[in-house]
Protein backbone atom coordinates (compact mmCIF):
# COMPACT_ATOMS: atom_id res chain seq x y z
CA MET A 1 101.11 86.61 60.44
CA ALA A 2 98.44 85.62 62.72
CA THR A 3 100.30 85.23 65.94
CA ARG A 4 101.48 88.72 65.76
CA ILE A 5 98.44 90.56 65.14
CA PHE A 6 96.71 88.23 68.02
CA ARG A 7 99.58 90.26 70.37
CA ALA A 8 99.04 93.61 69.02
CA PRO A 9 95.92 94.31 70.49
CA ALA A 10 96.28 92.35 73.49
CA ALA A 11 99.60 94.33 74.34
CA LEU A 12 97.42 98.20 73.88
CA LEU A 13 94.82 96.20 75.95
CA ALA A 14 96.69 95.66 78.29
CA ALA A 15 98.62 98.61 78.45
CA ALA A 16 96.07 101.08 78.89
CA ALA A 17 94.32 98.17 81.57
CA ALA A 18 97.57 99.25 83.45
CA LEU A 19 96.99 102.93 84.67
CA ALA A 20 95.15 101.73 87.28
CA LEU A 21 97.34 102.09 90.66
CA GLY A 22 97.62 100.63 94.19
CA ALA A 23 100.03 99.90 96.89
CA THR A 24 100.24 96.58 98.58
CA THR A 25 102.28 94.39 101.16
CA ALA A 26 103.87 91.28 100.56
CA ALA A 27 102.55 88.27 102.46
CA GLY A 28 104.67 88.21 106.02
CA ALA A 29 105.86 92.10 105.22
CA ALA A 30 105.74 94.21 108.29
CA ALA A 31 102.53 96.71 108.73
CA PRO A 32 103.01 99.72 106.42
CA GLY A 33 104.24 102.93 108.36
CA PRO A 34 102.28 106.07 108.04
CA THR A 35 101.56 108.46 104.94
CA THR A 36 100.54 111.88 104.25
CA VAL A 37 99.68 113.43 100.95
CA ASN A 38 100.31 117.40 101.18
CA PRO A 39 98.98 120.31 100.23
CA ALA A 40 95.33 118.99 102.04
CA GLY A 41 92.73 119.50 99.68
CA HIS A 42 94.68 120.23 96.38
CA SER A 43 93.47 119.23 92.53
CA PHE A 44 95.73 117.80 90.56
CA THR A 45 96.39 116.22 87.20
CA ALA A 46 98.67 113.24 86.02
CA LYS A 47 100.06 113.87 82.80
CA LEU A 48 102.68 111.03 80.65
CA SER A 49 106.07 112.15 80.23
CA GLY A 50 107.42 110.81 77.43
CA LYS A 51 105.86 107.32 75.91
CA ALA A 52 103.67 104.52 77.20
CA VAL A 53 105.04 101.05 76.08
CA PHE A 54 102.46 98.37 76.16
CA THR A 55 104.41 95.25 75.39
CA ALA A 56 103.18 91.97 74.79
CA GLY A 57 105.32 89.19 73.05
CA THR A 58 107.69 90.10 70.55
CA THR A 59 104.98 93.11 70.11
CA THR A 60 105.24 96.83 71.44
CA MET A 61 102.38 99.50 71.38
CA THR A 62 103.43 103.03 72.25
CA CYS A 63 101.22 105.85 73.45
CA THR A 64 101.94 109.42 72.83
CA VAL A 65 99.63 110.96 74.93
CA SER A 66 97.87 109.86 78.35
CA VAL A 67 96.07 112.17 81.12
CA SER A 68 94.15 112.47 83.87
CA ALA A 69 92.68 115.40 84.77
CA PRO A 70 89.83 116.98 87.31
CA THR A 71 86.28 116.23 85.63
CA GLY A 72 84.66 117.83 89.08
CA PRO A 73 85.28 118.72 92.92
CA ALA A 74 85.39 114.87 93.36
CA THR A 75 87.94 113.39 91.14
CA ASN A 76 92.03 114.47 91.33
CA LYS A 77 92.00 115.57 94.37
CA VAL A 78 93.94 114.70 97.74
CA PRO A 79 92.07 114.01 100.81
CA ALA A 80 90.93 117.14 103.29
CA ALA A 81 92.73 117.12 106.47
CA PRO A 82 92.59 114.42 108.36
CA GLY A 83 92.14 112.64 105.51
CA ASN A 84 94.88 113.20 103.61
CA HIS A 85 97.23 111.15 106.58
CA ASN A 86 96.82 107.48 107.19
CA ALA A 87 98.53 106.36 110.90
CA ALA A 88 98.97 102.85 108.94
CA GLY A 89 98.78 102.66 105.39
CA PRO A 90 98.58 104.42 102.29
CA VAL A 91 96.17 107.23 101.35
CA SER A 92 94.05 107.31 97.57
CA ALA A 93 92.27 109.71 96.10
CA THR A 94 89.61 108.87 93.29
CA ILE A 95 90.54 110.36 89.88
CA SER A 96 89.36 110.59 86.54
CA PRO A 97 90.04 107.98 84.00
CA PRO A 98 93.15 108.53 81.91
CA THR A 99 92.50 108.90 78.59
CA PHE A 100 95.18 107.51 76.23
CA SER A 101 95.91 108.85 72.35
CA GLY A 102 98.64 109.21 69.61
CA CYS A 103 99.01 104.97 70.13
CA THR A 104 100.70 103.02 66.94
CA THR A 105 101.49 99.71 66.73
CA SER A 106 104.42 97.74 64.54
CA ILE A 107 101.67 95.38 63.45
CA PHE A 108 101.12 97.06 59.76
CA GLY A 109 97.37 97.50 59.16
CA VAL A 110 95.68 97.19 62.74
CA GLY A 111 94.27 100.51 63.84
CA VAL A 112 93.19 100.66 67.46
CA THR A 113 90.90 102.89 69.87
CA VAL A 114 91.06 102.62 73.80
CA THR A 115 88.06 104.19 75.61
CA SER A 116 88.33 104.46 79.36
CA ASN A 117 85.69 104.18 81.83
CA ALA A 118 83.96 104.28 85.29
CA THR A 119 80.90 102.32 84.34
CA ASN A 120 81.61 99.40 86.79
CA GLY A 121 83.54 102.09 89.40
CA ALA A 122 85.87 104.82 89.90
CA TRP A 123 89.39 104.93 89.50
CA SER A 124 91.66 105.88 92.06
CA ILE A 125 95.25 106.61 92.72
CA SER A 126 97.29 105.23 96.23
CA ALA A 127 100.49 106.02 97.92
CA GLN A 128 102.31 104.28 100.86
CA ASN A 129 105.22 106.49 102.01
CA GLY A 130 108.59 103.98 102.17
CA SER A 131 111.85 104.01 101.36
CA PRO A 132 111.21 103.54 97.85
CA VAL A 133 107.50 105.27 98.08
CA ALA A 134 104.83 102.79 96.55
CA ALA A 135 102.15 103.91 94.53
CA GLY A 136 99.75 102.81 92.01
CA LEU A 137 96.58 103.24 89.93
CA THR A 138 93.11 100.84 90.21
CA MET A 139 90.95 100.65 87.39
CA PRO A 140 87.65 98.95 87.98
CA LYS A 141 86.01 96.01 86.52
CA ALA A 142 86.30 96.59 82.65
CA GLY A 143 87.72 99.87 82.98
CA VAL A 144 89.53 99.65 79.64
CA VAL A 145 87.79 98.90 76.37
CA ILE A 146 90.34 98.49 73.52
CA ARG A 147 88.83 98.41 69.69
CA THR A 148 90.54 96.92 66.27
CA SER A 149 90.35 97.78 62.74
CA GLY A 150 91.89 96.80 59.81
CA LEU A 151 93.94 93.63 59.21
CA ALA A 152 91.90 92.64 62.70
CA SER A 153 88.52 93.90 63.98
CA CYS A 154 88.44 92.96 67.81
CA THR A 155 87.38 93.82 71.35
CA LEU A 156 89.66 93.39 73.99
CA THR A 157 88.62 94.84 78.03
CA ALA A 158 91.60 95.27 81.08
CA SER A 159 90.53 93.91 83.96
CA PRO A 160 87.77 92.11 83.15
CA SER A 161 86.79 90.25 86.13
CA GLY A 162 86.80 92.70 88.79
CA PRO A 163 89.27 95.78 89.94
CA SER A 164 92.77 95.24 89.23
CA SER A 165 96.11 97.42 90.89
CA VAL A 166 99.15 98.18 88.98
CA ASN A 167 102.01 99.24 91.08
CA GLY A 168 104.69 101.85 90.79
CA THR A 169 107.14 104.03 92.77
CA TRP A 170 106.33 107.50 93.68
CA THR A 171 109.60 110.11 93.53
CA ASN A 172 108.55 113.92 94.65
CA GLY A 173 109.98 116.92 92.64
CA ALA A 174 108.90 119.66 90.86
CA PRO A 175 106.56 117.69 88.79
CA SER A 176 106.17 114.69 91.28
CA ARG A 177 105.96 111.60 89.60
CA LEU A 178 104.76 108.57 88.91
CA ALA A 179 106.25 105.40 87.11
CA ILE A 180 105.69 102.19 86.87
CA ALA A 181 107.76 99.54 84.92
CA ASN A 182 106.43 96.18 83.29
CA ALA A 183 103.78 95.58 85.30
CA PRO A 184 101.53 92.76 84.56
CA VAL A 185 97.79 93.57 83.65
CA ALA A 186 95.11 91.06 82.92
CA ALA A 187 93.20 91.18 79.58
CA THR A 188 89.87 88.79 77.11
CA GLY A 189 89.30 89.60 74.49
CA THR A 190 86.63 88.68 71.80
CA GLY A 191 86.47 88.89 68.36
CA GLY A 192 86.49 87.06 64.40
CA PHE A 193 89.59 85.85 62.33
CA LEU A 194 92.46 86.86 63.43
CA CYS A 195 91.62 88.42 66.74
CA PRO A 196 92.52 87.22 70.37
CA THR A 197 90.53 85.61 72.64
CA GLY A 198 90.22 84.42 76.07
CA ASP A 199 92.41 85.56 78.54
CA GLN A 200 95.26 87.81 77.36
CA THR A 201 98.42 88.97 79.62
CA ALA A 202 100.84 92.26 78.78
CA THR A 203 102.99 94.62 80.38
CA PHE A 204 102.85 98.62 81.27
CA SER A 205 105.69 100.77 81.53
CA ALA A 206 105.22 104.23 81.70
CA THR A 207 106.14 107.42 83.31
CA TYR A 208 103.06 110.30 84.73
CA ASP A 209 103.98 114.03 85.67
CA VAL A 210 101.22 114.52 88.50
CA THR A 211 101.02 118.16 89.30
CA ASP A 212 99.34 120.82 91.71
CA THR A 213 96.49 122.30 89.85
CA THR A 214 95.00 124.20 92.42
CA ASP A 215 98.28 125.97 93.15
CA PRO A 216 100.55 125.26 90.68
CA ALA A 217 103.43 127.06 92.72
CA GLN A 218 103.60 123.96 95.28
CA GLN A 219 104.11 120.51 95.00
CA ILE A 220 101.71 117.33 95.45
CA THR A 221 104.61 115.24 97.78
CA VAL A 222 104.26 112.38 99.45
CA THR A 223 105.93 111.77 103.06
CA GLY A 224 105.40 109.80 106.65
């Protein structure tokens, strides 16, 4: 029973941490091509479609609500031209920390609270045109803190050593979508009896609908 309780909190933490995007290029791969994100200067919201699933070992945690919405003129906004175009790499935008709620775990007697923050830096979303289009979320150091209650009172911190990214793919559409599948996330845990301590690892899967809030009739698109 102790082993299962250790994994449940780790799964959630890793999951929440997993909401940070960024596109990476494998060593030795060709240099990235041009990327353009439109409409330039438009604001957007990223909202969970379906469920976010966090898995660690044999334990699964599910959240039904996750959103990153504009909180001011500097967040969740496509860069104004010419910043919405990069001739040789990804285009990035600062976003508000995504929130998580409606979370449950398969472990009886363990409750969870997820708190995201930008205390140590900003969150961002990034996209690199290609086939498929690469996209991801980047979170700052300690950007998500998970606290459990009940049978295990623990604190887990995502991305404990510095900024980290989780990669996925982007699909243009109405709405456009960011899909993340089994992305690994690092975390560290502290607490008393039955708590996971030290380094933790989990995977995160989720799909986010990205919608234009400046003009809902338009779509946020990634092209070359």
